[in-house]
């Protein structure tokens, strides 16, 4: 069998069909409704929080997500933190240790602010993040709407690990 036999019947088209982005949500409710049960733990109303979470998950920055939801960027960062999004703190790990020293009373605020090199707003947001835990009910509300496609991919990759080559195999 030659290449021409294999390629027989294959057509090349000049246009593609726009199929959109497939979404799967088996929860039966939108994110705002799921967040409403823990609204007292949110720094804004559940609808705005849902907008922040959805736009941020789509790759939008915290500031742009805040504008979309018509809330302050600090409020958007607080929403993301309370709902389990990691990496919202504006401080480095060393600066967070300095902030914790201030929170425990080992440093004055002036010294802590100077040592972290943060602005007043960054310092205040980091202090909020250090003193407010993620809310399990909010984290669950956000996670319940997601399809665990990533975990299925990891399981498939792990099952096929023996068939994959490694970077060291290319020598």
N, C-alpha and C. Protein backbone atom coordinates (compact mmCIF):
# COMPACT_ATOMS: atom_id res chain seq x y z
N UNK A 1 0.86 -1.16 0.00
CA UNK A 1 0.00 0.00 0.00
C UNK A 1 0.90 1.22 0.00
N UNK A 2 0.69 2.09 -0.96
CA UNK A 2 1.49 3.30 -1.08
C UNK A 2 0.82 4.48 -0.41
N UNK A 3 1.53 5.58 -0.38
CA UNK A 3 1.01 6.80 0.22
C UNK A 3 -0.25 7.29 -0.48
N UNK A 4 -0.29 7.14 -1.79
CA UNK A 4 -1.48 7.58 -2.53
C UNK A 4 -2.70 6.74 -2.15
N UNK A 5 -2.50 5.46 -1.84
CA UNK A 5 -3.62 4.62 -1.41
C UNK A 5 -4.13 5.04 -0.04
N UNK A 6 -3.17 5.40 0.83
CA UNK A 6 -3.55 5.83 2.18
C UNK A 6 -4.31 7.14 2.13
N UNK A 7 -3.88 8.05 1.26
CA UNK A 7 -4.47 9.38 1.18
C UNK A 7 -5.73 9.43 0.32
N UNK A 8 -6.11 8.34 -0.29
CA UNK A 8 -7.30 8.33 -1.14
C UNK A 8 -8.54 8.68 -0.34
N UNK A 9 -9.30 9.59 -0.85
CA UNK A 9 -10.54 9.97 -0.20
C UNK A 9 -10.41 11.11 0.80
N UNK A 10 -9.19 11.56 1.04
CA UNK A 10 -9.01 12.68 1.96
C UNK A 10 -9.23 13.98 1.20
N UNK A 11 -10.02 14.87 1.78
CA UNK A 11 -10.30 16.15 1.16
C UNK A 11 -9.76 17.27 2.03
N UNK A 12 -9.35 18.34 1.39
CA UNK A 12 -8.92 19.53 2.10
C UNK A 12 -9.96 20.60 1.83
N UNK A 13 -10.50 21.18 2.88
CA UNK A 13 -11.49 22.24 2.71
C UNK A 13 -10.85 23.58 3.03
N UNK A 14 -11.37 24.62 2.49
CA UNK A 14 -10.80 25.95 2.67
C UNK A 14 -11.39 26.69 3.86
N UNK A 15 -12.43 26.17 4.48
CA UNK A 15 -13.02 26.84 5.64
C UNK A 15 -13.33 25.82 6.71
N UNK A 16 -13.38 26.32 7.93
CA UNK A 16 -13.70 25.47 9.06
C UNK A 16 -15.03 25.90 9.65
N UNK A 17 -15.68 24.99 10.27
CA UNK A 17 -16.92 25.32 10.95
C UNK A 17 -16.59 25.85 12.33
N UNK A 18 -17.21 26.95 12.72
CA UNK A 18 -17.03 27.50 14.05
C UNK A 18 -17.95 26.73 14.99
N UNK A 19 -17.37 25.93 15.85
CA UNK A 19 -18.15 25.11 16.76
C UNK A 19 -18.30 25.74 18.13
N UNK A 20 -17.62 26.86 18.38
CA UNK A 20 -17.72 27.52 19.67
C UNK A 20 -16.94 26.76 20.73
N UNK A 21 -17.07 27.20 21.94
CA UNK A 21 -16.38 26.57 23.06
C UNK A 21 -17.39 25.70 23.80
N UNK A 22 -17.14 24.40 23.86
CA UNK A 22 -18.09 23.54 24.57
C UNK A 22 -17.94 23.72 26.08
N UNK A 23 -19.06 23.78 26.75
CA UNK A 23 -19.04 23.87 28.21
C UNK A 23 -19.95 22.79 28.77
N UNK A 24 -19.58 22.31 29.91
CA UNK A 24 -20.38 21.31 30.60
C UNK A 24 -20.54 21.77 32.03
N UNK A 25 -21.76 21.88 32.48
CA UNK A 25 -22.02 22.28 33.86
C UNK A 25 -23.22 21.47 34.33
N UNK A 26 -22.95 20.49 35.16
CA UNK A 26 -24.01 19.62 35.63
C UNK A 26 -24.65 20.08 36.92
N UNK A 27 -24.40 21.30 37.34
CA UNK A 27 -24.91 21.75 38.62
C UNK A 27 -26.36 22.20 38.56
N UNK A 28 -26.84 22.61 37.40
CA UNK A 28 -28.22 23.06 37.29
C UNK A 28 -28.44 24.49 37.77
N UNK A 29 -27.40 25.17 38.21
CA UNK A 29 -27.54 26.57 38.63
C UNK A 29 -26.30 27.33 38.22
N UNK A 30 -26.45 28.64 38.11
CA UNK A 30 -25.28 29.42 37.72
C UNK A 30 -24.42 29.73 38.95
N UNK A 31 -23.24 30.25 38.71
CA UNK A 31 -22.27 30.48 39.78
C UNK A 31 -22.80 31.47 40.81
N UNK A 32 -23.46 32.52 40.36
CA UNK A 32 -24.02 33.50 41.30
C UNK A 32 -24.99 32.88 42.28
N UNK A 33 -25.83 31.96 41.80
CA UNK A 33 -26.78 31.27 42.68
C UNK A 33 -26.05 30.38 43.68
N UNK A 34 -24.98 29.71 43.23
CA UNK A 34 -24.23 28.84 44.14
C UNK A 34 -23.49 29.66 45.20
N UNK A 35 -23.02 30.85 44.83
CA UNK A 35 -22.32 31.71 45.79
C UNK A 35 -23.26 32.37 46.78
N UNK A 36 -24.52 32.51 46.42
CA UNK A 36 -25.49 33.22 47.26
C UNK A 36 -25.66 32.58 48.64
N UNK A 37 -25.46 31.28 48.74
CA UNK A 37 -25.64 30.62 50.04
C UNK A 37 -24.59 31.07 51.06
N UNK A 38 -23.47 31.60 50.59
CA UNK A 38 -22.41 32.10 51.49
C UNK A 38 -22.12 33.57 51.23
N UNK A 39 -23.14 34.30 50.86
CA UNK A 39 -22.97 35.71 50.49
C UNK A 39 -22.36 36.55 51.60
N UNK A 40 -22.63 36.20 52.86
CA UNK A 40 -22.09 36.99 53.98
C UNK A 40 -20.57 36.90 54.06
N UNK A 41 -19.97 35.91 53.43
CA UNK A 41 -18.51 35.75 53.44
C UNK A 41 -17.84 36.45 52.27
N UNK A 42 -18.63 37.01 51.37
CA UNK A 42 -18.08 37.69 50.21
C UNK A 42 -17.97 39.20 50.45
N UNK A 43 -16.96 39.84 49.87
CA UNK A 43 -16.81 41.29 50.03
C UNK A 43 -17.70 42.10 49.09
N UNK A 44 -18.51 41.43 48.26
CA UNK A 44 -19.44 42.10 47.36
C UNK A 44 -20.63 41.17 47.13
N UNK A 45 -21.57 41.59 46.32
CA UNK A 45 -22.74 40.73 46.10
C UNK A 45 -22.36 39.51 45.24
N UNK A 46 -23.11 38.42 45.36
CA UNK A 46 -22.77 37.18 44.65
C UNK A 46 -22.71 37.33 43.13
N UNK A 47 -23.54 38.18 42.55
CA UNK A 47 -23.51 38.39 41.10
C UNK A 47 -22.19 38.99 40.63
N UNK A 48 -21.73 40.01 41.36
CA UNK A 48 -20.44 40.62 41.02
C UNK A 48 -19.30 39.63 41.26
N UNK A 49 -19.39 38.86 42.34
CA UNK A 49 -18.36 37.86 42.64
C UNK A 49 -18.30 36.82 41.52
N UNK A 50 -19.46 36.39 41.03
CA UNK A 50 -19.50 35.42 39.94
C UNK A 50 -18.85 35.99 38.69
N UNK A 51 -19.11 37.25 38.40
CA UNK A 51 -18.49 37.90 37.24
C UNK A 51 -16.97 37.93 37.38
N UNK A 52 -16.49 38.29 38.57
CA UNK A 52 -15.04 38.31 38.82
C UNK A 52 -14.45 36.93 38.59
N UNK A 53 -15.05 35.92 39.17
CA UNK A 53 -14.53 34.55 39.06
C UNK A 53 -14.55 34.04 37.63
N UNK A 54 -15.63 34.29 36.92
CA UNK A 54 -15.76 33.79 35.55
C UNK A 54 -14.79 34.48 34.61
N UNK A 55 -14.67 35.81 34.73
CA UNK A 55 -13.76 36.52 33.83
C UNK A 55 -12.30 36.20 34.16
N UNK A 56 -12.00 36.06 35.44
CA UNK A 56 -10.62 35.71 35.83
C UNK A 56 -10.27 34.31 35.35
N UNK A 57 -11.21 33.38 35.44
CA UNK A 57 -10.97 32.01 34.97
C UNK A 57 -10.76 31.97 33.46
N UNK A 58 -11.32 32.95 32.76
CA UNK A 58 -11.16 33.02 31.30
C UNK A 58 -9.83 33.66 30.91
N UNK A 59 -9.02 34.05 31.91
CA UNK A 59 -7.70 34.60 31.61
C UNK A 59 -7.59 36.10 31.75
N UNK A 60 -8.62 36.74 32.24
CA UNK A 60 -8.60 38.18 32.41
C UNK A 60 -7.86 38.54 33.70
N UNK A 61 -7.17 39.67 33.69
CA UNK A 61 -6.45 40.10 34.89
C UNK A 61 -7.43 40.46 36.00
N UNK A 62 -6.91 40.57 37.21
CA UNK A 62 -7.75 40.93 38.35
C UNK A 62 -8.38 42.31 38.13
N UNK A 63 -7.59 43.26 37.65
CA UNK A 63 -8.10 44.61 37.40
C UNK A 63 -9.20 44.63 36.36
N UNK A 64 -9.00 43.90 35.25
CA UNK A 64 -10.03 43.85 34.21
C UNK A 64 -11.27 43.11 34.68
N UNK A 65 -11.06 42.06 35.49
CA UNK A 65 -12.21 41.33 36.06
C UNK A 65 -13.00 42.25 36.98
N UNK A 66 -12.30 43.08 37.75
CA UNK A 66 -12.95 44.03 38.65
C UNK A 66 -13.78 45.04 37.85
N UNK A 67 -13.20 45.56 36.77
CA UNK A 67 -13.94 46.52 35.94
C UNK A 67 -15.19 45.88 35.34
N UNK A 68 -15.05 44.64 34.91
CA UNK A 68 -16.19 43.92 34.32
C UNK A 68 -17.31 43.75 35.34
N UNK A 69 -16.94 43.52 36.60
CA UNK A 69 -17.92 43.30 37.67
C UNK A 69 -18.34 44.61 38.35
N UNK A 70 -17.70 45.71 37.96
CA UNK A 70 -18.00 47.03 38.54
C UNK A 70 -17.70 47.07 40.05
N UNK A 71 -16.53 46.51 40.42
CA UNK A 71 -16.06 46.55 41.80
C UNK A 71 -14.60 47.02 41.79
N UNK A 72 -14.09 47.39 42.93
CA UNK A 72 -12.70 47.81 43.05
C UNK A 72 -11.77 46.61 42.86
N UNK A 73 -10.58 46.82 42.30
CA UNK A 73 -9.66 45.71 42.12
C UNK A 73 -9.31 44.98 43.42
N UNK A 74 -9.22 45.71 44.53
CA UNK A 74 -8.94 45.07 45.81
C UNK A 74 -10.10 44.14 46.19
N UNK A 75 -11.31 44.56 45.92
CA UNK A 75 -12.48 43.72 46.21
C UNK A 75 -12.44 42.46 45.35
N UNK A 76 -12.07 42.60 44.09
CA UNK A 76 -11.97 41.43 43.20
C UNK A 76 -10.91 40.46 43.72
N UNK A 77 -9.78 40.98 44.17
CA UNK A 77 -8.73 40.12 44.72
C UNK A 77 -9.23 39.40 45.98
N UNK A 78 -10.00 40.10 46.81
CA UNK A 78 -10.55 39.47 48.01
C UNK A 78 -11.52 38.35 47.63
N UNK A 79 -12.34 38.57 46.62
CA UNK A 79 -13.27 37.54 46.15
C UNK A 79 -12.49 36.31 45.70
N UNK A 80 -11.48 36.53 44.88
CA UNK A 80 -10.69 35.41 44.38
C UNK A 80 -10.06 34.62 45.52
N UNK A 81 -9.51 35.34 46.50
CA UNK A 81 -8.90 34.66 47.65
C UNK A 81 -9.92 33.85 48.44
N UNK A 82 -11.05 34.47 48.78
CA UNK A 82 -12.07 33.78 49.59
C UNK A 82 -12.63 32.55 48.87
N UNK A 83 -12.59 32.57 47.53
CA UNK A 83 -13.14 31.47 46.75
C UNK A 83 -12.09 30.44 46.35
N UNK A 84 -10.89 30.56 46.90
CA UNK A 84 -9.89 29.52 46.72
C UNK A 84 -8.91 29.70 45.58
N UNK A 85 -8.88 30.86 44.96
CA UNK A 85 -7.92 31.10 43.88
C UNK A 85 -6.57 31.42 44.52
N UNK A 86 -5.56 30.68 44.17
CA UNK A 86 -4.23 30.87 44.75
C UNK A 86 -3.47 31.96 43.99
N UNK A 87 -2.47 32.54 44.66
CA UNK A 87 -1.59 33.49 44.01
C UNK A 87 -2.11 34.91 43.93
N UNK A 88 -3.03 35.28 44.79
CA UNK A 88 -3.61 36.62 44.74
C UNK A 88 -2.80 37.61 45.56
N UNK A 89 -2.04 37.15 46.54
CA UNK A 89 -1.29 38.05 47.40
C UNK A 89 -0.26 38.84 46.61
N UNK A 90 -0.19 40.15 46.82
CA UNK A 90 0.78 40.97 46.09
C UNK A 90 2.19 40.90 46.67
N UNK A 91 2.37 40.18 47.77
CA UNK A 91 3.68 40.13 48.42
C UNK A 91 4.40 38.82 48.13
N UNK A 92 5.71 38.89 48.15
CA UNK A 92 6.55 37.70 47.99
C UNK A 92 6.50 36.88 49.28
N UNK A 93 6.97 35.65 49.26
CA UNK A 93 6.98 34.85 50.49
C UNK A 93 7.75 35.51 51.63
N UNK A 94 8.89 36.14 51.34
CA UNK A 94 9.65 36.83 52.39
C UNK A 94 8.86 38.01 52.94
N UNK A 95 8.22 38.76 52.08
CA UNK A 95 7.43 39.91 52.52
C UNK A 95 6.22 39.44 53.34
N UNK A 96 5.65 38.28 52.99
CA UNK A 96 4.53 37.75 53.77
C UNK A 96 4.98 37.36 55.17
N UNK A 97 6.22 36.85 55.31
CA UNK A 97 6.75 36.54 56.64
C UNK A 97 6.90 37.82 57.47
N UNK A 98 7.34 38.88 56.83
CA UNK A 98 7.46 40.18 57.52
C UNK A 98 6.07 40.66 57.95
N UNK A 99 5.09 40.51 57.08
CA UNK A 99 3.71 40.89 57.41
C UNK A 99 3.20 40.09 58.60
N UNK A 100 3.50 38.79 58.63
CA UNK A 100 3.08 37.96 59.77
C UNK A 100 3.75 38.41 61.06
N UNK A 101 5.01 38.86 60.96
CA UNK A 101 5.69 39.41 62.14
C UNK A 101 4.95 40.66 62.63
N UNK A 102 4.49 41.49 61.72
CA UNK A 102 3.71 42.68 62.11
C UNK A 102 2.39 42.27 62.75
N UNK A 103 1.72 41.28 62.14
CA UNK A 103 0.44 40.83 62.69
C UNK A 103 0.58 40.23 64.08
N UNK A 104 1.71 39.60 64.34
CA UNK A 104 1.92 39.01 65.67
C UNK A 104 2.46 40.02 66.67
N UNK A 105 2.73 41.24 66.24
CA UNK A 105 3.18 42.29 67.14
C UNK A 105 4.68 42.38 67.31
N UNK A 106 5.43 41.66 66.48
CA UNK A 106 6.89 41.67 66.59
C UNK A 106 7.52 42.87 65.86
N UNK A 107 6.79 43.49 64.96
CA UNK A 107 7.28 44.64 64.21
C UNK A 107 6.22 45.74 64.23
N UNK A 108 6.67 46.97 64.09
CA UNK A 108 5.71 48.06 63.94
C UNK A 108 5.22 48.07 62.49
N UNK A 109 4.07 48.67 62.24
CA UNK A 109 3.53 48.73 60.89
C UNK A 109 4.48 49.49 59.97
N UNK A 110 5.06 50.57 60.48
CA UNK A 110 5.98 51.38 59.68
C UNK A 110 7.18 50.55 59.24
N UNK A 111 7.76 49.80 60.18
CA UNK A 111 8.90 48.96 59.84
C UNK A 111 8.51 47.85 58.86
N UNK A 112 7.39 47.22 59.11
CA UNK A 112 6.93 46.14 58.24
C UNK A 112 6.66 46.67 56.83
N UNK A 113 6.03 47.82 56.74
CA UNK A 113 5.74 48.42 55.44
C UNK A 113 7.03 48.75 54.70
N UNK A 114 8.01 49.30 55.42
CA UNK A 114 9.29 49.64 54.80
C UNK A 114 10.05 48.38 54.36
N UNK A 115 10.04 47.35 55.18
CA UNK A 115 10.76 46.12 54.85
C UNK A 115 10.14 45.35 53.69
N UNK A 116 8.83 45.40 53.57
CA UNK A 116 8.18 44.69 52.47
C UNK A 116 8.31 45.44 51.15
N UNK A 117 8.42 46.77 51.23
CA UNK A 117 8.49 47.56 50.01
C UNK A 117 7.16 47.67 49.30
N UNK A 118 6.10 47.33 49.99
CA UNK A 118 4.76 47.35 49.40
C UNK A 118 4.13 48.72 49.55
N UNK A 119 3.19 49.01 48.68
CA UNK A 119 2.38 50.22 48.83
C UNK A 119 1.37 49.99 49.95
N UNK A 120 0.71 51.05 50.39
CA UNK A 120 -0.31 50.91 51.43
C UNK A 120 -1.41 49.95 51.00
N UNK A 121 -1.84 50.07 49.73
CA UNK A 121 -2.93 49.21 49.23
C UNK A 121 -2.47 47.74 49.16
N UNK A 122 -1.26 47.50 48.69
CA UNK A 122 -0.75 46.13 48.62
C UNK A 122 -0.61 45.54 50.02
N UNK A 123 -0.13 46.34 50.95
CA UNK A 123 0.04 45.88 52.32
C UNK A 123 -1.31 45.55 52.94
N UNK A 124 -2.31 46.40 52.70
CA UNK A 124 -3.65 46.16 53.24
C UNK A 124 -4.26 44.89 52.65
N UNK A 125 -4.11 44.70 51.35
CA UNK A 125 -4.65 43.48 50.72
C UNK A 125 -3.95 42.24 51.27
N UNK A 126 -2.64 42.30 51.39
CA UNK A 126 -1.89 41.15 51.92
C UNK A 126 -2.30 40.86 53.37
N UNK A 127 -2.56 41.91 54.15
CA UNK A 127 -3.01 41.72 55.54
C UNK A 127 -4.39 41.05 55.55
N UNK A 128 -5.26 41.45 54.64
CA UNK A 128 -6.59 40.82 54.53
C UNK A 128 -6.42 39.33 54.21
N UNK A 129 -5.56 39.03 53.25
CA UNK A 129 -5.36 37.64 52.83
C UNK A 129 -4.79 36.80 53.98
N UNK A 130 -3.89 37.38 54.74
CA UNK A 130 -3.30 36.66 55.87
C UNK A 130 -4.28 36.46 57.02
N UNK A 131 -5.26 37.33 57.15
CA UNK A 131 -6.17 37.26 58.29
C UNK A 131 -7.55 36.68 57.94
N UNK A 132 -7.79 36.39 56.68
CA UNK A 132 -9.07 35.81 56.26
C UNK A 132 -8.80 34.54 55.47
N UNK A 133 -9.33 33.44 55.96
CA UNK A 133 -9.15 32.16 55.29
C UNK A 133 -10.07 32.03 54.09
N UNK A 134 -9.75 31.08 53.24
CA UNK A 134 -10.67 30.72 52.17
C UNK A 134 -11.91 30.12 52.82
N UNK A 135 -13.04 30.32 52.19
CA UNK A 135 -14.30 29.81 52.73
C UNK A 135 -14.63 28.50 52.01
N UNK A 136 -14.63 27.38 52.74
CA UNK A 136 -14.87 26.08 52.08
C UNK A 136 -16.16 26.04 51.26
N UNK A 137 -17.22 26.66 51.74
CA UNK A 137 -18.48 26.65 50.99
C UNK A 137 -18.34 27.41 49.67
N UNK A 138 -17.58 28.50 49.67
CA UNK A 138 -17.36 29.26 48.43
C UNK A 138 -16.45 28.48 47.48
N UNK A 139 -15.42 27.86 48.01
CA UNK A 139 -14.52 27.04 47.19
C UNK A 139 -15.32 25.91 46.54
N UNK A 140 -16.18 25.27 47.32
CA UNK A 140 -17.02 24.19 46.79
C UNK A 140 -17.98 24.70 45.72
N UNK A 141 -18.55 25.88 45.93
CA UNK A 141 -19.48 26.45 44.95
C UNK A 141 -18.77 26.70 43.62
N UNK A 142 -17.54 27.16 43.69
CA UNK A 142 -16.77 27.41 42.47
C UNK A 142 -16.37 26.09 41.81
N UNK A 143 -15.88 25.17 42.61
CA UNK A 143 -15.40 23.88 42.07
C UNK A 143 -16.54 23.02 41.53
N UNK A 144 -17.73 23.14 42.10
CA UNK A 144 -18.84 22.27 41.68
C UNK A 144 -19.28 22.55 40.25
N UNK A 145 -18.97 23.71 39.72
CA UNK A 145 -19.34 24.04 38.36
C UNK A 145 -18.31 23.65 37.33
N UNK A 146 -17.16 23.21 37.78
CA UNK A 146 -16.09 22.84 36.87
C UNK A 146 -16.13 21.36 36.56
N UNK A 147 -15.80 21.04 35.34
CA UNK A 147 -15.68 19.65 34.93
C UNK A 147 -14.23 19.24 35.16
N UNK A 148 -14.00 18.16 35.85
CA UNK A 148 -12.63 17.77 36.17
C UNK A 148 -11.88 17.21 34.97
N UNK A 149 -11.84 17.98 33.86
CA UNK A 149 -11.14 17.51 32.66
C UNK A 149 -9.66 17.37 32.92
N UNK A 150 -9.09 18.24 33.70
CA UNK A 150 -7.66 18.18 33.97
C UNK A 150 -7.30 16.89 34.69
N UNK A 151 -8.14 16.47 35.64
CA UNK A 151 -7.82 15.25 36.37
C UNK A 151 -7.95 14.03 35.45
N UNK A 152 -8.90 14.06 34.52
CA UNK A 152 -9.03 12.97 33.57
C UNK A 152 -7.80 12.90 32.67
N UNK A 153 -7.27 14.06 32.28
CA UNK A 153 -6.07 14.11 31.46
C UNK A 153 -4.88 13.54 32.22
N UNK A 154 -4.77 13.90 33.48
CA UNK A 154 -3.67 13.39 34.30
C UNK A 154 -3.77 11.88 34.46
N UNK A 155 -4.98 11.38 34.70
CA UNK A 155 -5.16 9.94 34.83
C UNK A 155 -4.77 9.22 33.54
N UNK A 156 -5.17 9.77 32.40
CA UNK A 156 -4.83 9.16 31.12
C UNK A 156 -3.32 9.18 30.92
N UNK A 157 -2.68 10.33 31.22
CA UNK A 157 -1.24 10.44 31.07
C UNK A 157 -0.52 9.42 31.95
N UNK A 158 -0.98 9.29 33.20
CA UNK A 158 -0.35 8.34 34.12
C UNK A 158 -0.51 6.91 33.63
N UNK A 159 -1.67 6.58 33.06
CA UNK A 159 -1.89 5.23 32.56
C UNK A 159 -1.00 4.93 31.36
N UNK A 160 -0.67 5.95 30.57
CA UNK A 160 0.14 5.76 29.37
C UNK A 160 1.61 6.13 29.57
N UNK A 161 2.02 6.35 30.80
CA UNK A 161 3.37 6.82 31.09
C UNK A 161 4.45 5.94 30.45
N UNK A 162 4.25 4.61 30.45
CA UNK A 162 5.25 3.69 29.89
C UNK A 162 5.45 3.90 28.40
N UNK A 163 4.45 4.39 27.71
CA UNK A 163 4.55 4.56 26.27
C UNK A 163 5.17 5.88 25.85
N UNK A 164 5.36 6.79 26.81
CA UNK A 164 5.89 8.12 26.49
C UNK A 164 7.40 8.15 26.65
N UNK A 165 8.01 8.92 25.76
CA UNK A 165 9.45 9.09 25.89
C UNK A 165 9.74 10.26 26.82
N UNK A 166 10.93 10.26 27.38
CA UNK A 166 11.36 11.29 28.31
C UNK A 166 12.41 12.14 27.61
N UNK A 167 12.69 13.31 28.13
CA UNK A 167 13.70 14.17 27.55
C UNK A 167 15.07 13.50 27.53
N UNK A 168 15.33 12.65 28.50
CA UNK A 168 16.61 11.95 28.55
C UNK A 168 16.71 10.85 27.47
N UNK A 169 15.55 10.44 26.94
CA UNK A 169 15.55 9.42 25.88
C UNK A 169 16.01 9.97 24.54
N UNK A 170 16.12 11.29 24.42
CA UNK A 170 16.44 11.92 23.14
C UNK A 170 17.94 12.06 22.91
N UNK A 171 18.75 11.58 23.79
CA UNK A 171 20.22 11.70 23.64
C UNK A 171 20.76 10.77 22.61
